[in-house]
N, C-alpha and C. Protein backbone atom coordinates (compact mmCIF):
# COMPACT_ATOMS: atom_id res chain seq x y z
N UNK A 1 137.56 115.41 216.43
CA UNK A 1 136.53 116.38 216.76
C UNK A 1 135.90 116.00 218.10
N UNK A 2 135.81 116.97 219.02
CA UNK A 2 135.22 116.70 220.33
C UNK A 2 133.70 116.77 220.22
N UNK A 3 133.04 115.88 220.95
CA UNK A 3 131.58 115.93 220.96
C UNK A 3 131.06 116.88 222.04
N UNK A 4 131.85 117.10 223.08
CA UNK A 4 131.47 118.06 224.13
C UNK A 4 132.53 119.15 224.17
N UNK A 5 132.12 120.37 224.45
CA UNK A 5 133.10 121.46 224.45
C UNK A 5 134.07 121.34 225.62
N UNK A 6 135.29 121.72 225.37
CA UNK A 6 136.30 121.82 226.43
C UNK A 6 135.85 122.95 227.35
N UNK A 7 136.06 122.85 228.68
CA UNK A 7 135.60 123.91 229.60
C UNK A 7 136.09 125.29 229.21
N UNK A 8 137.31 125.42 228.72
CA UNK A 8 137.81 126.74 228.34
C UNK A 8 137.10 127.28 227.10
N UNK A 9 136.60 126.40 226.22
CA UNK A 9 135.84 126.85 225.06
C UNK A 9 134.56 127.55 225.51
N UNK A 10 133.94 127.06 226.56
CA UNK A 10 132.71 127.65 227.08
C UNK A 10 133.03 128.93 227.84
N UNK A 11 134.13 128.95 228.57
CA UNK A 11 134.49 130.10 229.39
C UNK A 11 135.18 131.21 228.61
N UNK A 12 135.73 130.90 227.41
CA UNK A 12 136.48 131.92 226.67
C UNK A 12 136.22 131.85 225.17
N UNK A 13 135.00 132.06 224.75
CA UNK A 13 134.77 132.16 223.30
C UNK A 13 135.29 133.51 222.81
N UNK A 14 135.40 133.69 221.53
CA UNK A 14 135.73 135.01 221.00
C UNK A 14 134.46 135.85 221.05
N UNK A 15 134.58 137.05 221.62
CA UNK A 15 133.44 137.95 221.79
C UNK A 15 133.72 139.24 221.02
N UNK A 16 132.71 139.74 220.33
CA UNK A 16 132.87 140.95 219.52
C UNK A 16 132.12 142.12 220.14
N UNK A 17 132.84 143.21 220.37
CA UNK A 17 132.23 144.45 220.80
C UNK A 17 132.10 145.37 219.61
N UNK A 18 131.86 146.64 219.87
CA UNK A 18 131.77 147.61 218.78
C UNK A 18 133.14 147.90 218.17
N UNK A 19 134.16 148.03 219.04
CA UNK A 19 135.50 148.36 218.53
C UNK A 19 136.57 147.34 218.91
N UNK A 20 136.23 146.40 219.79
CA UNK A 20 137.21 145.40 220.23
C UNK A 20 136.69 143.99 219.99
N UNK A 21 137.64 143.08 220.01
CA UNK A 21 137.37 141.64 220.06
C UNK A 21 138.04 141.14 221.33
N UNK A 22 137.38 140.25 222.03
CA UNK A 22 137.97 139.57 223.18
C UNK A 22 138.20 138.14 222.75
N UNK A 23 139.44 137.69 222.83
CA UNK A 23 139.75 136.32 222.45
C UNK A 23 140.59 135.67 223.53
N UNK A 24 140.58 134.36 223.55
CA UNK A 24 141.38 133.63 224.53
C UNK A 24 142.83 134.06 224.40
N UNK A 25 143.48 134.26 225.53
CA UNK A 25 144.90 134.61 225.51
C UNK A 25 145.71 133.41 225.06
N UNK A 26 146.87 133.72 224.51
CA UNK A 26 147.81 132.70 224.05
C UNK A 26 149.19 133.05 224.59
N UNK A 27 150.05 132.07 224.61
CA UNK A 27 151.42 132.32 225.09
C UNK A 27 152.09 133.45 224.31
N UNK A 28 151.75 133.60 223.04
CA UNK A 28 152.33 134.67 222.22
C UNK A 28 151.93 136.06 222.69
N UNK A 29 150.89 136.15 223.52
CA UNK A 29 150.42 137.45 224.01
C UNK A 29 151.20 137.96 225.22
N UNK A 30 151.95 137.09 225.87
CA UNK A 30 152.60 137.44 227.13
C UNK A 30 153.50 138.66 226.99
N UNK A 31 154.34 138.71 225.99
CA UNK A 31 155.28 139.83 225.85
C UNK A 31 154.53 141.16 225.72
N UNK A 32 153.48 141.19 224.91
CA UNK A 32 152.71 142.43 224.75
C UNK A 32 152.01 142.81 226.04
N UNK A 33 151.45 141.86 226.75
CA UNK A 33 150.74 142.15 228.00
C UNK A 33 151.70 142.63 229.08
N UNK A 34 152.87 142.02 229.17
CA UNK A 34 153.87 142.46 230.16
C UNK A 34 154.36 143.87 229.82
N UNK A 35 154.54 144.16 228.53
CA UNK A 35 154.96 145.51 228.14
C UNK A 35 153.90 146.54 228.55
N UNK A 36 152.63 146.20 228.40
CA UNK A 36 151.56 147.10 228.83
C UNK A 36 151.63 147.29 230.34
N UNK A 37 151.82 146.21 231.07
CA UNK A 37 151.91 146.30 232.53
C UNK A 37 153.11 147.10 233.00
N UNK A 38 154.14 147.18 232.18
CA UNK A 38 155.35 147.93 232.54
C UNK A 38 155.21 149.44 232.35
N UNK A 39 154.17 149.90 231.69
CA UNK A 39 154.01 151.35 231.51
C UNK A 39 153.53 151.96 232.82
N UNK A 40 154.06 153.12 233.19
CA UNK A 40 153.72 153.71 234.49
C UNK A 40 152.22 153.90 234.74
N UNK A 41 151.46 154.30 233.72
CA UNK A 41 150.02 154.55 233.92
C UNK A 41 149.25 153.27 234.24
N UNK A 42 149.76 152.13 233.82
CA UNK A 42 149.12 150.85 234.13
C UNK A 42 149.75 150.25 235.39
N UNK A 43 151.07 150.35 235.48
CA UNK A 43 151.78 149.77 236.63
C UNK A 43 151.33 150.37 237.96
N UNK A 44 150.84 151.62 237.93
CA UNK A 44 150.36 152.25 239.15
C UNK A 44 149.21 151.45 239.78
N UNK A 45 148.43 150.76 238.94
CA UNK A 45 147.24 150.06 239.44
C UNK A 45 147.36 148.54 239.36
N UNK A 46 148.30 148.02 238.59
CA UNK A 46 148.50 146.58 238.45
C UNK A 46 149.94 146.24 238.80
N UNK A 47 150.12 145.19 239.58
CA UNK A 47 151.48 144.76 239.91
C UNK A 47 151.92 143.67 238.95
N UNK A 48 152.90 143.97 238.14
CA UNK A 48 153.41 143.00 237.17
C UNK A 48 153.97 141.77 237.87
N UNK A 49 154.58 141.96 239.03
CA UNK A 49 155.23 140.85 239.72
C UNK A 49 154.26 139.73 240.08
N UNK A 50 152.97 140.05 240.23
CA UNK A 50 152.01 138.97 240.52
C UNK A 50 151.44 138.36 239.27
N UNK A 51 151.63 138.99 238.14
CA UNK A 51 151.00 138.54 236.90
C UNK A 51 152.03 137.81 236.07
N UNK A 52 152.33 136.59 236.45
CA UNK A 52 153.44 135.87 235.84
C UNK A 52 153.04 135.00 234.66
N UNK A 53 151.74 134.82 234.43
CA UNK A 53 151.34 133.97 233.32
C UNK A 53 150.04 134.48 232.71
N UNK A 54 149.76 133.99 231.53
CA UNK A 54 148.58 134.43 230.79
C UNK A 54 147.31 133.96 231.47
N UNK A 55 147.29 132.73 231.93
CA UNK A 55 146.08 132.18 232.53
C UNK A 55 146.25 131.97 234.02
N UNK A 56 145.41 132.64 234.79
CA UNK A 56 145.36 132.35 236.21
C UNK A 56 144.46 131.14 236.39
N UNK A 57 144.71 130.36 237.39
CA UNK A 57 144.01 129.09 237.56
C UNK A 57 142.50 129.23 237.62
N UNK A 58 142.02 130.20 238.36
CA UNK A 58 140.58 130.32 238.56
C UNK A 58 139.91 131.36 237.66
N UNK A 59 140.69 132.11 236.92
CA UNK A 59 140.13 133.18 236.10
C UNK A 59 140.13 132.79 234.63
N UNK A 60 139.12 133.24 233.92
CA UNK A 60 139.10 133.11 232.46
C UNK A 60 139.64 134.42 231.91
N UNK A 61 140.71 134.35 231.14
CA UNK A 61 141.43 135.53 230.70
C UNK A 61 141.33 135.70 229.19
N UNK A 62 141.03 136.93 228.77
CA UNK A 62 140.92 137.27 227.35
C UNK A 62 141.94 138.34 227.01
N UNK A 63 142.51 138.26 225.81
CA UNK A 63 143.27 139.37 225.25
C UNK A 63 142.27 140.33 224.62
N UNK A 64 142.49 141.63 224.79
CA UNK A 64 141.68 142.64 224.14
C UNK A 64 142.44 143.06 222.88
N UNK A 65 141.81 142.90 221.74
CA UNK A 65 142.41 143.30 220.47
C UNK A 65 141.43 144.24 219.76
N UNK A 66 141.95 145.13 218.93
CA UNK A 66 141.07 146.06 218.23
C UNK A 66 140.62 145.46 216.91
N UNK A 67 139.38 145.76 216.55
CA UNK A 67 138.87 145.32 215.25
C UNK A 67 139.64 146.01 214.14
N UNK A 68 140.05 147.27 214.37
CA UNK A 68 140.78 148.03 213.36
C UNK A 68 142.09 147.35 212.96
N UNK A 69 142.69 146.62 213.89
CA UNK A 69 143.94 145.92 213.58
C UNK A 69 143.69 144.49 213.13
N UNK A 70 142.44 144.17 212.84
CA UNK A 70 142.05 142.81 212.43
C UNK A 70 142.46 141.79 213.48
N UNK A 71 142.45 142.23 214.74
CA UNK A 71 142.75 141.31 215.83
C UNK A 71 144.21 141.00 216.04
N UNK A 72 145.10 141.72 215.38
CA UNK A 72 146.53 141.43 215.49
C UNK A 72 147.22 142.16 216.63
N UNK A 73 146.64 143.29 217.10
CA UNK A 73 147.32 144.10 218.10
C UNK A 73 146.65 143.94 219.46
N UNK A 74 147.39 143.38 220.42
CA UNK A 74 146.89 143.23 221.78
C UNK A 74 147.01 144.57 222.49
N UNK A 75 145.87 145.08 222.99
CA UNK A 75 145.87 146.38 223.64
C UNK A 75 145.47 146.30 225.11
N UNK A 76 145.26 145.08 225.61
CA UNK A 76 144.90 144.94 227.01
C UNK A 76 144.45 143.53 227.33
N UNK A 77 143.94 143.41 228.54
CA UNK A 77 143.53 142.11 229.06
C UNK A 77 142.28 142.30 229.92
N UNK A 78 141.36 141.37 229.82
CA UNK A 78 140.18 141.39 230.67
C UNK A 78 139.94 139.97 231.15
N UNK A 79 139.52 139.83 232.39
CA UNK A 79 139.29 138.49 232.92
C UNK A 79 138.12 138.50 233.89
N UNK A 80 137.60 137.32 234.11
CA UNK A 80 136.52 137.19 235.07
C UNK A 80 136.70 135.91 235.87
N UNK A 81 136.13 135.93 237.06
CA UNK A 81 136.08 134.77 237.95
C UNK A 81 134.62 134.58 238.32
N UNK A 82 134.17 133.35 238.32
CA UNK A 82 132.78 133.07 238.65
C UNK A 82 132.65 132.43 240.02
N UNK A 83 131.64 132.84 240.76
CA UNK A 83 131.20 132.14 241.96
C UNK A 83 130.04 131.28 241.45
N UNK A 84 130.23 129.97 241.46
CA UNK A 84 129.25 129.10 240.82
C UNK A 84 128.26 128.45 241.78
N UNK A 85 128.40 128.70 243.07
CA UNK A 85 127.41 128.20 244.02
C UNK A 85 126.07 128.84 243.65
N UNK A 86 125.04 128.04 243.38
CA UNK A 86 123.77 128.62 242.91
C UNK A 86 123.14 129.62 243.88
N UNK A 87 123.45 129.54 245.14
CA UNK A 87 122.90 130.47 246.11
C UNK A 87 123.68 131.79 246.18
N UNK A 88 124.85 131.84 245.56
CA UNK A 88 125.70 133.04 245.59
C UNK A 88 126.25 133.37 244.21
N UNK A 89 125.63 132.88 243.17
CA UNK A 89 126.14 133.01 241.80
C UNK A 89 126.43 134.48 241.46
N UNK A 90 127.63 134.72 241.00
CA UNK A 90 128.05 136.05 240.58
C UNK A 90 129.38 135.93 239.84
N UNK A 91 129.83 137.05 239.28
CA UNK A 91 131.12 137.08 238.60
C UNK A 91 131.84 138.36 238.97
N UNK A 92 133.15 138.28 239.07
CA UNK A 92 134.00 139.45 239.30
C UNK A 92 134.83 139.67 238.04
N UNK A 93 134.99 140.93 237.67
CA UNK A 93 135.68 141.29 236.42
C UNK A 93 136.87 142.18 236.75
N UNK A 94 137.94 142.04 235.96
CA UNK A 94 139.11 142.89 236.09
C UNK A 94 139.65 143.18 234.70
N UNK A 95 140.27 144.33 234.53
CA UNK A 95 140.72 144.76 233.20
C UNK A 95 141.94 145.67 233.30
N UNK A 96 142.81 145.62 232.30
CA UNK A 96 143.79 146.68 232.09
C UNK A 96 143.92 146.91 230.58
N UNK A 97 144.16 148.18 230.24
CA UNK A 97 144.27 148.59 228.84
C UNK A 97 145.54 149.41 228.70
N UNK A 98 146.20 149.25 227.59
CA UNK A 98 147.42 149.99 227.30
C UNK A 98 147.19 151.49 227.46
N UNK A 99 148.12 152.17 228.12
CA UNK A 99 148.01 153.62 228.31
C UNK A 99 147.92 154.34 226.97
N UNK A 100 148.55 153.79 225.93
CA UNK A 100 148.50 154.40 224.60
C UNK A 100 147.09 154.39 224.02
N UNK A 101 146.23 153.54 224.56
CA UNK A 101 144.86 153.41 224.06
C UNK A 101 143.83 154.08 224.97
N UNK A 102 144.27 154.65 226.09
CA UNK A 102 143.32 155.30 227.01
C UNK A 102 142.59 156.42 226.29
N UNK A 103 141.31 156.59 226.62
CA UNK A 103 140.51 157.65 226.05
C UNK A 103 139.89 157.33 224.70
N UNK A 104 140.06 156.11 224.21
CA UNK A 104 139.51 155.73 222.90
C UNK A 104 138.27 154.84 223.03
N UNK A 105 137.83 154.58 224.25
CA UNK A 105 136.63 153.76 224.44
C UNK A 105 136.87 152.27 224.46
N UNK A 106 138.12 151.87 224.44
CA UNK A 106 138.45 150.44 224.39
C UNK A 106 138.06 149.74 225.70
N UNK A 107 138.41 150.32 226.84
CA UNK A 107 138.06 149.70 228.12
C UNK A 107 136.56 149.56 228.31
N UNK A 108 135.79 150.65 228.12
CA UNK A 108 134.35 150.51 228.26
C UNK A 108 133.74 149.51 227.29
N UNK A 109 134.22 149.48 226.03
CA UNK A 109 133.68 148.53 225.06
C UNK A 109 134.01 147.10 225.46
N UNK A 110 135.22 146.87 225.94
CA UNK A 110 135.60 145.52 226.39
C UNK A 110 134.74 145.11 227.59
N UNK A 111 134.57 146.03 228.54
CA UNK A 111 133.74 145.73 229.72
C UNK A 111 132.30 145.43 229.30
N UNK A 112 131.71 146.29 228.47
CA UNK A 112 130.33 146.09 228.02
C UNK A 112 130.17 144.74 227.33
N UNK A 113 131.14 144.39 226.50
CA UNK A 113 131.09 143.14 225.74
C UNK A 113 131.12 141.94 226.68
N UNK A 114 132.05 141.94 227.63
CA UNK A 114 132.15 140.82 228.56
C UNK A 114 130.95 140.76 229.50
N UNK A 115 130.54 141.91 230.02
CA UNK A 115 129.41 141.94 230.95
C UNK A 115 128.14 141.42 230.28
N UNK A 116 127.87 141.87 229.05
CA UNK A 116 126.68 141.41 228.33
C UNK A 116 126.71 139.89 228.18
N UNK A 117 127.86 139.34 227.86
CA UNK A 117 127.99 137.89 227.70
C UNK A 117 127.81 137.17 229.04
N UNK A 118 128.38 137.74 230.10
CA UNK A 118 128.24 137.11 231.42
C UNK A 118 126.77 137.10 231.87
N UNK A 119 126.03 138.13 231.52
CA UNK A 119 124.61 138.20 231.89
C UNK A 119 123.77 137.32 230.95
N UNK A 120 123.93 137.53 229.64
CA UNK A 120 123.06 136.88 228.66
C UNK A 120 123.35 135.40 228.45
N UNK A 121 124.61 135.02 228.49
CA UNK A 121 124.98 133.64 228.18
C UNK A 121 125.31 132.84 229.44
N UNK A 122 126.09 133.42 230.33
CA UNK A 122 126.50 132.69 231.53
C UNK A 122 125.46 132.77 232.64
N UNK A 123 124.47 133.66 232.50
CA UNK A 123 123.36 133.72 233.43
C UNK A 123 123.61 134.43 234.74
N UNK A 124 124.58 135.34 234.76
CA UNK A 124 124.85 136.07 236.00
C UNK A 124 123.88 137.22 236.19
N UNK A 125 123.45 137.42 237.41
CA UNK A 125 122.55 138.54 237.72
C UNK A 125 123.29 139.65 238.47
N UNK A 126 124.54 139.35 238.89
CA UNK A 126 125.31 140.30 239.71
C UNK A 126 126.78 140.18 239.36
N UNK A 127 127.44 141.34 239.19
CA UNK A 127 128.87 141.37 238.90
C UNK A 127 129.54 142.36 239.83
N UNK A 128 130.81 142.14 240.10
CA UNK A 128 131.57 143.05 240.95
C UNK A 128 132.90 143.44 240.29
N UNK A 129 133.39 144.60 240.68
CA UNK A 129 134.74 145.06 240.36
C UNK A 129 135.30 145.66 241.65
N UNK A 130 136.63 145.72 241.76
CA UNK A 130 137.24 146.25 242.98
C UNK A 130 138.46 147.11 242.67
N UNK A 131 138.24 148.25 241.99
CA UNK A 131 139.38 149.12 241.67
C UNK A 131 139.97 149.74 242.93
N UNK A 132 141.23 150.14 242.82
CA UNK A 132 141.84 150.90 243.91
C UNK A 132 140.97 152.12 244.18
N UNK A 133 140.76 152.43 245.44
CA UNK A 133 139.88 153.54 245.82
C UNK A 133 140.37 154.87 245.23
N UNK A 134 141.65 154.99 244.96
CA UNK A 134 142.21 156.23 244.41
C UNK A 134 142.17 156.27 242.88
N UNK A 135 141.72 155.20 242.23
CA UNK A 135 141.71 155.14 240.77
C UNK A 135 140.41 155.76 240.24
N UNK A 136 140.36 157.08 240.27
CA UNK A 136 139.15 157.82 239.91
C UNK A 136 138.71 157.55 238.47
N UNK A 137 139.65 157.40 237.57
CA UNK A 137 139.29 157.16 236.16
C UNK A 137 138.54 155.83 236.02
N UNK A 138 139.08 154.77 236.60
CA UNK A 138 138.41 153.46 236.51
C UNK A 138 137.04 153.50 237.17
N UNK A 139 136.96 154.13 238.31
CA UNK A 139 135.67 154.21 239.03
C UNK A 139 134.65 154.94 238.17
N UNK A 140 135.05 156.02 237.51
CA UNK A 140 134.14 156.77 236.65
C UNK A 140 133.63 155.88 235.50
N UNK A 141 134.52 155.12 234.88
CA UNK A 141 134.12 154.22 233.78
C UNK A 141 133.12 153.19 234.29
N UNK A 142 133.41 152.59 235.43
CA UNK A 142 132.50 151.57 235.98
C UNK A 142 131.14 152.17 236.32
N UNK A 143 131.13 153.38 236.84
CA UNK A 143 129.84 154.03 237.14
C UNK A 143 129.04 154.26 235.87
N UNK A 144 129.69 154.64 234.78
CA UNK A 144 128.99 154.84 233.51
C UNK A 144 128.38 153.55 233.00
N UNK A 145 128.97 152.41 233.35
CA UNK A 145 128.43 151.10 232.95
C UNK A 145 127.29 150.66 233.86
N UNK A 146 127.08 151.37 234.97
CA UNK A 146 125.99 151.03 235.88
C UNK A 146 126.43 150.48 237.23
N UNK A 147 127.74 150.30 237.43
CA UNK A 147 128.22 149.82 238.73
C UNK A 147 127.97 150.87 239.80
N UNK A 148 127.69 150.40 241.01
CA UNK A 148 127.49 151.28 242.17
C UNK A 148 128.48 150.89 243.27
N UNK A 149 128.99 151.90 243.93
CA UNK A 149 129.87 151.65 245.07
C UNK A 149 129.05 151.05 246.20
N UNK A 150 129.60 149.98 246.80
CA UNK A 150 128.91 149.38 247.95
C UNK A 150 129.74 149.42 249.22
N UNK A 151 131.00 149.81 249.11
CA UNK A 151 131.82 149.92 250.30
C UNK A 151 133.30 149.94 249.99
N UNK A 152 134.05 150.38 250.96
CA UNK A 152 135.51 150.42 250.84
C UNK A 152 136.09 149.17 251.48
N UNK A 153 136.95 148.51 250.74
CA UNK A 153 137.70 147.37 251.26
C UNK A 153 139.00 147.94 251.81
N UNK A 154 139.05 148.12 253.10
CA UNK A 154 140.18 148.80 253.73
C UNK A 154 141.42 147.93 253.71
N UNK A 155 142.56 148.59 253.41
CA UNK A 155 143.86 147.90 253.35
C UNK A 155 143.72 146.59 252.58
N UNK A 156 143.15 146.68 251.40
CA UNK A 156 142.74 145.53 250.60
C UNK A 156 143.89 144.86 249.87
N UNK A 157 144.80 145.67 249.32
CA UNK A 157 145.86 145.06 248.51
C UNK A 157 147.20 145.69 248.82
N UNK A 158 148.22 144.82 248.86
CA UNK A 158 149.58 145.30 249.11
C UNK A 158 150.18 145.75 247.78
N UNK A 159 150.78 146.93 247.79
CA UNK A 159 151.40 147.46 246.58
C UNK A 159 152.90 147.23 246.63
N UNK A 160 153.58 147.59 245.54
CA UNK A 160 155.00 147.27 245.38
C UNK A 160 155.88 147.67 246.56
N UNK A 161 155.60 148.82 247.18
CA UNK A 161 156.46 149.26 248.29
C UNK A 161 156.12 148.59 249.62
N UNK A 162 155.18 147.63 249.59
CA UNK A 162 154.81 146.89 250.80
C UNK A 162 153.68 147.52 251.59
N UNK A 163 153.28 148.73 251.20
CA UNK A 163 152.15 149.39 251.87
C UNK A 163 150.84 148.78 251.38
N UNK A 164 149.79 149.01 252.15
CA UNK A 164 148.46 148.52 251.80
C UNK A 164 147.64 149.68 251.27
N UNK A 165 146.78 149.41 250.28
CA UNK A 165 145.88 150.44 249.80
C UNK A 165 144.44 149.92 249.79
N UNK A 166 143.53 150.87 249.89
CA UNK A 166 142.11 150.56 249.90
C UNK A 166 141.61 150.31 248.48
N UNK A 167 140.53 149.54 248.38
CA UNK A 167 139.84 149.34 247.11
C UNK A 167 138.38 149.70 247.32
N UNK A 168 137.72 150.01 246.24
CA UNK A 168 136.30 150.31 246.28
C UNK A 168 135.56 149.11 245.72
N UNK A 169 134.73 148.48 246.51
CA UNK A 169 133.91 147.38 246.02
C UNK A 169 132.71 147.98 245.31
N UNK A 170 132.54 147.57 244.05
CA UNK A 170 131.42 148.06 243.25
C UNK A 170 130.67 146.86 242.69
N UNK A 171 129.34 147.01 242.58
CA UNK A 171 128.56 145.92 242.03
C UNK A 171 127.58 146.44 240.99
N UNK A 172 127.17 145.51 240.14
CA UNK A 172 126.23 145.80 239.08
C UNK A 172 125.22 144.68 239.03
N UNK A 173 123.95 145.02 239.09
CA UNK A 173 122.89 144.03 238.89
C UNK A 173 122.51 144.05 237.42
N UNK A 174 122.14 142.90 236.89
CA UNK A 174 121.84 142.78 235.47
C UNK A 174 120.88 143.85 234.98
N UNK A 175 119.84 144.13 235.75
CA UNK A 175 118.85 145.11 235.31
C UNK A 175 119.36 146.55 235.35
N UNK A 176 120.51 146.79 235.95
CA UNK A 176 121.11 148.13 236.02
C UNK A 176 122.17 148.36 234.94
N UNK A 177 122.49 147.32 234.18
CA UNK A 177 123.55 147.39 233.21
C UNK A 177 123.21 148.34 232.07
N UNK A 178 124.10 149.29 231.80
CA UNK A 178 123.95 150.24 230.71
C UNK A 178 124.64 149.65 229.48
N UNK A 179 123.87 149.13 228.57
CA UNK A 179 124.42 148.41 227.41
C UNK A 179 125.00 149.31 226.33
N UNK A 180 124.60 150.50 226.20
CA UNK A 180 125.12 151.25 225.07
C UNK A 180 125.10 152.67 225.31
C-alpha cells in the first residue's frame, strides 16, 4: 500500500457525470479508441496517425464510458494538459466521441464533468480548447459550456493531406462555467 498517491492517481481519478464516467485509459482501450478515430465523422477533426498510444506524455487521458453500459463500453476520449506555472496556471482540454453517440449529450457531459473537476479540485481558474475553426458543432457545444472565442490560430494544424487549417482558440473562466 502506497502512503502517497502516484501522480497519475491524482491526475486521473474516476469521475462521474450525469450519463458518463471518465476513467483512466488502459491498454485494452486502444482498439476501441482507434476504431472511433477511424470513423469519417471523427477522422475529419482528429488525425489517427498522431494518436499512437493511450497516454501522451504531458496529457492526462481518460476513457469516456457510459453509465448505462456499467462502464464497459468506451465511447470516446477526453484529456487535459496543465500549465502549472503559478503565474500562468491553466488547463487545456481536448475530446473526441464516437460518431454513433453524437447527439446524446455524451460530449457535453464529459466536458462538464472534467471541467468541474479541473476547477473545483485542481484549482484552475481558466481553461482553453482549440477546435478546428470549421468545426461548427464542437464550437457550438463549447459555447454552451461557457467558452468564448478569443481568436483564430491561423494555419494552426497540418491535416492528413499536408495542408494547414485554422483553429479557434476558446477560453473559459471558472466564473463563466455553465455547470448544468
